[in-house]
């Protein structure tokens, strides 16, 4: 062995650089895939938010319809109750008229 250090060939660092370049390319590819996935998820999130807003609007519309329907049902129930009272009153008035007519006919029959 001589006291001289052996020179390392200039080609030896190239494999390390090539490995780093491959690693960098793999990382860039992975970052690109992740970016694509994030963009896809952001677009899907936008669609879901729009669908959620539509669903909320439909829910609010249906709530308003239900409230109107309930109010209508209460009104119909009130009208039915009023109609029933009027039917009873009509029968009472009819009975009174019949008694009145009968009482008017009785004195005429006696006379």
N, C-alpha and C. Protein backbone atom coordinates (compact mmCIF):
# COMPACT_ATOMS: atom_id res chain seq x y z
N UNK A 1 0.83 -1.16 0.00
CA UNK A 1 0.00 0.00 0.00
C UNK A 1 0.87 1.22 0.00
N UNK A 2 0.50 2.08 -0.79
CA UNK A 2 1.27 3.31 -0.86
C UNK A 2 0.61 4.34 0.03
N UNK A 3 1.26 5.38 0.33
CA UNK A 3 0.76 6.43 1.20
C UNK A 3 -0.26 7.29 0.49
N UNK A 4 -0.41 7.07 -0.72
CA UNK A 4 -1.37 7.85 -1.46
C UNK A 4 -2.78 7.29 -1.24
N UNK A 5 -3.70 8.18 -1.11
CA UNK A 5 -5.09 7.73 -1.01
C UNK A 5 -5.58 7.43 -2.39
N UNK A 6 -6.30 6.36 -2.44
CA UNK A 6 -6.85 6.02 -3.74
C UNK A 6 -8.03 6.95 -4.03
N UNK A 7 -8.07 7.38 -5.23
CA UNK A 7 -9.16 8.27 -5.62
C UNK A 7 -10.41 7.45 -5.90
N UNK A 8 -11.52 7.97 -5.44
CA UNK A 8 -12.79 7.32 -5.70
C UNK A 8 -13.22 7.77 -7.08
N UNK A 9 -13.63 6.85 -7.88
CA UNK A 9 -14.04 7.25 -9.22
C UNK A 9 -15.18 8.27 -9.16
N UNK A 10 -15.23 9.15 -10.13
CA UNK A 10 -16.22 10.22 -10.18
C UNK A 10 -17.62 9.67 -10.42
N UNK A 11 -17.71 8.47 -10.86
CA UNK A 11 -19.00 7.88 -11.17
C UNK A 11 -19.74 7.39 -9.92
N UNK A 12 -19.06 7.20 -8.84
CA UNK A 12 -19.69 6.67 -7.65
C UNK A 12 -20.78 7.58 -7.08
N UNK A 13 -20.63 8.90 -7.01
CA UNK A 13 -21.70 9.73 -6.47
C UNK A 13 -22.95 9.69 -7.35
N UNK A 14 -22.82 9.37 -8.58
CA UNK A 14 -23.95 9.35 -9.50
C UNK A 14 -25.05 8.40 -9.03
N UNK A 15 -24.77 7.19 -8.55
CA UNK A 15 -25.85 6.34 -8.07
C UNK A 15 -26.60 6.97 -6.89
N UNK A 16 -25.93 7.65 -6.02
CA UNK A 16 -26.59 8.29 -4.89
C UNK A 16 -27.51 9.41 -5.39
N UNK A 17 -27.02 10.16 -6.37
CA UNK A 17 -27.83 11.22 -6.95
C UNK A 17 -29.03 10.61 -7.67
N UNK A 18 -28.80 9.53 -8.37
CA UNK A 18 -29.88 8.87 -9.10
C UNK A 18 -30.94 8.36 -8.11
N UNK A 19 -30.49 7.80 -6.97
CA UNK A 19 -31.44 7.34 -5.96
C UNK A 19 -32.24 8.49 -5.40
N UNK A 20 -31.57 9.61 -5.14
CA UNK A 20 -32.27 10.79 -4.62
C UNK A 20 -33.27 11.32 -5.65
N UNK A 21 -32.87 11.30 -6.92
CA UNK A 21 -33.79 11.75 -7.97
C UNK A 21 -35.00 10.83 -8.06
N UNK A 22 -34.77 9.53 -7.93
CA UNK A 22 -35.89 8.58 -7.94
C UNK A 22 -36.81 8.82 -6.74
N UNK A 23 -36.19 9.03 -5.58
CA UNK A 23 -36.96 9.30 -4.38
C UNK A 23 -37.76 10.60 -4.54
N UNK A 24 -37.12 11.62 -5.09
CA UNK A 24 -37.80 12.89 -5.32
C UNK A 24 -38.94 12.72 -6.31
N UNK A 25 -38.70 11.96 -7.38
CA UNK A 25 -39.76 11.71 -8.37
C UNK A 25 -40.92 10.97 -7.73
N UNK A 26 -40.61 9.97 -6.91
CA UNK A 26 -41.66 9.22 -6.23
C UNK A 26 -42.46 10.13 -5.29
N UNK A 27 -41.76 11.01 -4.59
CA UNK A 27 -42.44 11.93 -3.68
C UNK A 27 -43.29 12.93 -4.47
N UNK A 28 -42.76 13.42 -5.59
CA UNK A 28 -43.54 14.35 -6.42
C UNK A 28 -44.79 13.67 -6.95
N UNK A 29 -44.65 12.42 -7.35
CA UNK A 29 -45.79 11.65 -7.85
C UNK A 29 -46.84 11.47 -6.75
N UNK A 30 -46.34 11.15 -5.56
CA UNK A 30 -47.26 10.97 -4.43
C UNK A 30 -47.96 12.28 -4.08
N UNK A 31 -47.21 13.36 -4.08
CA UNK A 31 -47.81 14.67 -3.79
C UNK A 31 -48.85 15.01 -4.85
N UNK A 32 -48.56 14.71 -6.11
CA UNK A 32 -49.51 14.98 -7.20
C UNK A 32 -50.78 14.16 -6.99
N UNK A 33 -50.64 12.88 -6.61
CA UNK A 33 -51.82 12.05 -6.35
C UNK A 33 -52.62 12.58 -5.17
N UNK A 34 -51.91 12.98 -4.11
CA UNK A 34 -52.59 13.54 -2.94
C UNK A 34 -53.30 14.84 -3.30
N UNK A 35 -52.66 15.68 -4.09
CA UNK A 35 -53.28 16.93 -4.52
C UNK A 35 -54.53 16.65 -5.34
N UNK A 36 -54.44 15.68 -6.22
CA UNK A 36 -55.59 15.30 -7.03
C UNK A 36 -56.73 14.79 -6.14
N UNK A 37 -56.38 13.97 -5.15
CA UNK A 37 -57.39 13.45 -4.23
C UNK A 37 -58.03 14.58 -3.43
N UNK A 38 -57.21 15.52 -2.97
CA UNK A 38 -57.73 16.65 -2.21
C UNK A 38 -58.66 17.49 -3.07
N UNK A 39 -58.28 17.73 -4.32
CA UNK A 39 -59.12 18.51 -5.22
C UNK A 39 -60.44 17.77 -5.48
N UNK A 40 -60.36 16.46 -5.68
CA UNK A 40 -61.57 15.66 -5.88
C UNK A 40 -62.46 15.71 -4.65
N UNK A 41 -61.85 15.61 -3.47
CA UNK A 41 -62.63 15.67 -2.23
C UNK A 41 -63.24 17.06 -2.04
N UNK A 42 -62.52 18.10 -2.43
CA UNK A 42 -63.06 19.46 -2.31
C UNK A 42 -64.26 19.63 -3.24
N UNK A 43 -64.16 19.07 -4.45
CA UNK A 43 -65.29 19.16 -5.40
C UNK A 43 -66.49 18.37 -4.85
N UNK A 44 -66.23 17.19 -4.32
CA UNK A 44 -67.31 16.38 -3.74
C UNK A 44 -67.92 17.10 -2.54
N UNK A 45 -67.08 17.73 -1.74
CA UNK A 45 -67.56 18.49 -0.59
C UNK A 45 -68.48 19.63 -1.06
N UNK A 46 -68.12 20.29 -2.14
CA UNK A 46 -68.96 21.35 -2.70
C UNK A 46 -70.31 20.81 -3.14
N UNK A 47 -70.29 19.66 -3.82
CA UNK A 47 -71.55 19.05 -4.26
C UNK A 47 -72.41 18.66 -3.06
N UNK A 48 -71.77 18.11 -2.04
CA UNK A 48 -72.52 17.70 -0.85
C UNK A 48 -73.09 18.91 -0.11
N UNK A 49 -72.34 20.00 -0.05
CA UNK A 49 -72.85 21.21 0.59
C UNK A 49 -74.06 21.75 -0.17
N UNK A 50 -73.98 21.73 -1.50
CA UNK A 50 -75.12 22.20 -2.31
C UNK A 50 -76.33 21.30 -2.08
N UNK A 51 -76.10 19.99 -2.03
CA UNK A 51 -77.21 19.06 -1.78
C UNK A 51 -77.78 19.28 -0.38
N UNK A 52 -76.92 19.56 0.58
CA UNK A 52 -77.37 19.82 1.95
C UNK A 52 -78.23 21.08 1.99
N UNK A 53 -77.81 22.11 1.28
CA UNK A 53 -78.59 23.36 1.23
C UNK A 53 -79.95 23.12 0.59
N UNK A 54 -79.97 22.33 -0.49
CA UNK A 54 -81.24 22.01 -1.15
C UNK A 54 -82.15 21.22 -0.19
N UNK A 55 -81.56 20.26 0.52
CA UNK A 55 -82.32 19.46 1.45
C UNK A 55 -82.87 20.32 2.59
N UNK A 56 -82.07 21.25 3.08
CA UNK A 56 -82.52 22.14 4.15
C UNK A 56 -83.67 23.02 3.64
N UNK A 57 -83.56 23.50 2.42
CA UNK A 57 -84.63 24.34 1.84
C UNK A 57 -85.91 23.51 1.69
N UNK A 58 -85.78 22.28 1.24
CA UNK A 58 -86.94 21.39 1.09
C UNK A 58 -87.56 21.09 2.46
N UNK A 59 -86.70 20.87 3.46
CA UNK A 59 -87.20 20.63 4.82
C UNK A 59 -87.99 21.84 5.32
N UNK A 60 -87.46 23.03 5.10
CA UNK A 60 -88.15 24.24 5.54
C UNK A 60 -89.49 24.41 4.82
N UNK A 61 -89.50 24.09 3.51
CA UNK A 61 -90.74 24.18 2.75
C UNK A 61 -91.76 23.19 3.29
N UNK A 62 -91.33 21.97 3.57
CA UNK A 62 -92.24 20.95 4.10
C UNK A 62 -92.73 21.31 5.50
N UNK A 63 -91.85 21.92 6.31
CA UNK A 63 -92.28 22.37 7.64
C UNK A 63 -93.38 23.42 7.51
N UNK A 64 -93.18 24.35 6.58
CA UNK A 64 -94.19 25.40 6.38
C UNK A 64 -95.50 24.77 5.90
N UNK A 65 -95.41 23.80 4.99
CA UNK A 65 -96.62 23.11 4.51
C UNK A 65 -97.31 22.39 5.66
N UNK A 66 -96.52 21.74 6.50
CA UNK A 66 -97.09 21.00 7.63
C UNK A 66 -97.78 21.96 8.59
N UNK A 67 -97.15 23.09 8.85
CA UNK A 67 -97.76 24.09 9.73
C UNK A 67 -99.08 24.58 9.13
N UNK A 68 -99.06 24.89 7.83
CA UNK A 68 -100.29 25.33 7.16
C UNK A 68 -101.35 24.25 7.23
N UNK A 69 -100.93 23.01 7.02
CA UNK A 69 -101.87 21.89 7.05
C UNK A 69 -102.48 21.73 8.44
N UNK A 70 -101.63 21.84 9.46
CA UNK A 70 -102.14 21.72 10.84
C UNK A 70 -103.12 22.85 11.14
N UNK A 71 -102.76 24.06 10.71
CA UNK A 71 -103.66 25.19 10.93
C UNK A 71 -104.97 24.97 10.19
N UNK A 72 -104.88 24.44 8.97
CA UNK A 72 -106.08 24.12 8.20
C UNK A 72 -106.91 23.07 8.88
N UNK A 73 -106.26 22.06 9.45
CA UNK A 73 -106.98 20.99 10.15
C UNK A 73 -107.70 21.55 11.37
N UNK A 74 -107.04 22.46 12.07
CA UNK A 74 -107.68 23.08 13.24
C UNK A 74 -108.89 23.89 12.78
N UNK A 75 -108.73 24.62 11.69
CA UNK A 75 -109.84 25.42 11.16
C UNK A 75 -111.00 24.52 10.73
N UNK A 76 -110.68 23.42 10.06
CA UNK A 76 -111.73 22.47 9.64
C UNK A 76 -112.43 21.89 10.86
N UNK A 77 -111.66 21.56 11.90
CA UNK A 77 -112.27 21.01 13.12
C UNK A 77 -113.20 22.05 13.76
N UNK A 78 -112.76 23.31 13.77
CA UNK A 78 -113.62 24.37 14.32
C UNK A 78 -114.89 24.52 13.50
N UNK A 79 -114.75 24.47 12.17
CA UNK A 79 -115.93 24.57 11.31
C UNK A 79 -116.87 23.39 11.50
N UNK A 80 -116.32 22.19 11.65
CA UNK A 80 -117.16 21.00 11.89
C UNK A 80 -117.91 21.12 13.21
N UNK A 81 -117.21 21.64 14.23
CA UNK A 81 -117.87 21.83 15.52
C UNK A 81 -119.00 22.86 15.39
N UNK A 82 -118.73 23.93 14.68
CA UNK A 82 -119.75 24.96 14.48
C UNK A 82 -120.93 24.39 13.70
N UNK A 83 -120.63 23.60 12.67
CA UNK A 83 -121.69 22.97 11.88
C UNK A 83 -122.54 22.04 12.74
N UNK A 84 -121.90 21.29 13.61
CA UNK A 84 -122.64 20.40 14.51
C UNK A 84 -123.55 21.20 15.43
N UNK A 85 -123.02 22.29 16.00
CA UNK A 85 -123.86 23.13 16.87
C UNK A 85 -125.04 23.70 16.08
N UNK A 86 -124.80 24.13 14.85
CA UNK A 86 -125.87 24.69 14.03
C UNK A 86 -126.91 23.62 13.70
N UNK A 87 -126.47 22.38 13.47
CA UNK A 87 -127.42 21.30 13.18
C UNK A 87 -128.30 21.05 14.39
N UNK A 88 -127.70 21.06 15.59
CA UNK A 88 -128.48 20.86 16.81
C UNK A 88 -129.46 22.01 16.98
N UNK A 89 -128.98 23.24 16.78
CA UNK A 89 -129.86 24.42 16.89
C UNK A 89 -130.99 24.35 15.87
N UNK A 90 -130.67 23.91 14.65
CA UNK A 90 -131.70 23.78 13.61
C UNK A 90 -132.78 22.81 14.05
N UNK A 91 -132.36 21.67 14.62
CA UNK A 91 -133.34 20.69 15.09
C UNK A 91 -134.19 21.25 16.23
N UNK A 92 -133.55 22.02 17.11
CA UNK A 92 -134.30 22.65 18.20
C UNK A 92 -135.31 23.65 17.65
N UNK A 93 -134.89 24.46 16.67
CA UNK A 93 -135.79 25.44 16.05
C UNK A 93 -136.92 24.72 15.33
N UNK A 94 -136.59 23.65 14.63
CA UNK A 94 -137.63 22.87 13.92
C UNK A 94 -138.66 22.33 14.91
N UNK A 95 -138.17 21.80 16.03
CA UNK A 95 -139.08 21.26 17.04
C UNK A 95 -139.96 22.37 17.60
N UNK A 96 -139.38 23.54 17.85
CA UNK A 96 -140.16 24.67 18.36
C UNK A 96 -141.21 25.12 17.34
N UNK A 97 -140.81 25.16 16.08
CA UNK A 97 -141.77 25.56 15.02
C UNK A 97 -142.90 24.54 14.93
N UNK A 98 -142.54 23.25 14.99
CA UNK A 98 -143.58 22.21 14.94
C UNK A 98 -144.54 22.34 16.12
N UNK A 99 -143.99 22.61 17.32
CA UNK A 99 -144.86 22.79 18.49
C UNK A 99 -145.74 24.03 18.31
N UNK A 100 -145.14 25.10 17.74
CA UNK A 100 -145.90 26.33 17.52
C UNK A 100 -147.02 26.09 16.52
N UNK A 101 -146.70 25.42 15.41
CA UNK A 101 -147.72 25.12 14.40
C UNK A 101 -148.80 24.24 15.02
N UNK A 102 -148.41 23.27 15.80
CA UNK A 102 -149.37 22.37 16.43
C UNK A 102 -150.26 23.15 17.40
N UNK A 103 -149.62 24.04 18.17
CA UNK A 103 -150.43 24.81 19.13
C UNK A 103 -151.36 25.78 18.40
N UNK A 104 -150.95 26.27 17.24
CA UNK A 104 -151.81 27.15 16.46
C UNK A 104 -152.96 26.37 15.82
N UNK A 105 -152.71 25.13 15.46
CA UNK A 105 -153.76 24.32 14.84
C UNK A 105 -154.77 23.83 15.88
N UNK A 106 -154.37 23.60 17.09
CA UNK A 106 -155.27 23.07 18.13
C UNK A 106 -156.41 24.03 18.43
N UNK A 107 -156.17 25.30 18.67
CA UNK A 107 -157.32 26.18 18.94
C UNK A 107 -158.26 26.27 17.72
N UNK A 108 -157.72 26.17 16.53
CA UNK A 108 -158.57 26.22 15.35
C UNK A 108 -159.43 24.98 15.30
N UNK A 109 -158.93 23.87 15.73
CA UNK A 109 -159.70 22.63 15.72
C UNK A 109 -160.78 22.67 16.80
N UNK A 110 -160.53 23.36 17.89
CA UNK A 110 -161.49 23.45 18.96
C UNK A 110 -162.64 24.42 18.59
N UNK A 111 -162.31 25.38 17.77
CA UNK A 111 -163.24 26.42 17.46
C UNK A 111 -164.18 26.11 16.40
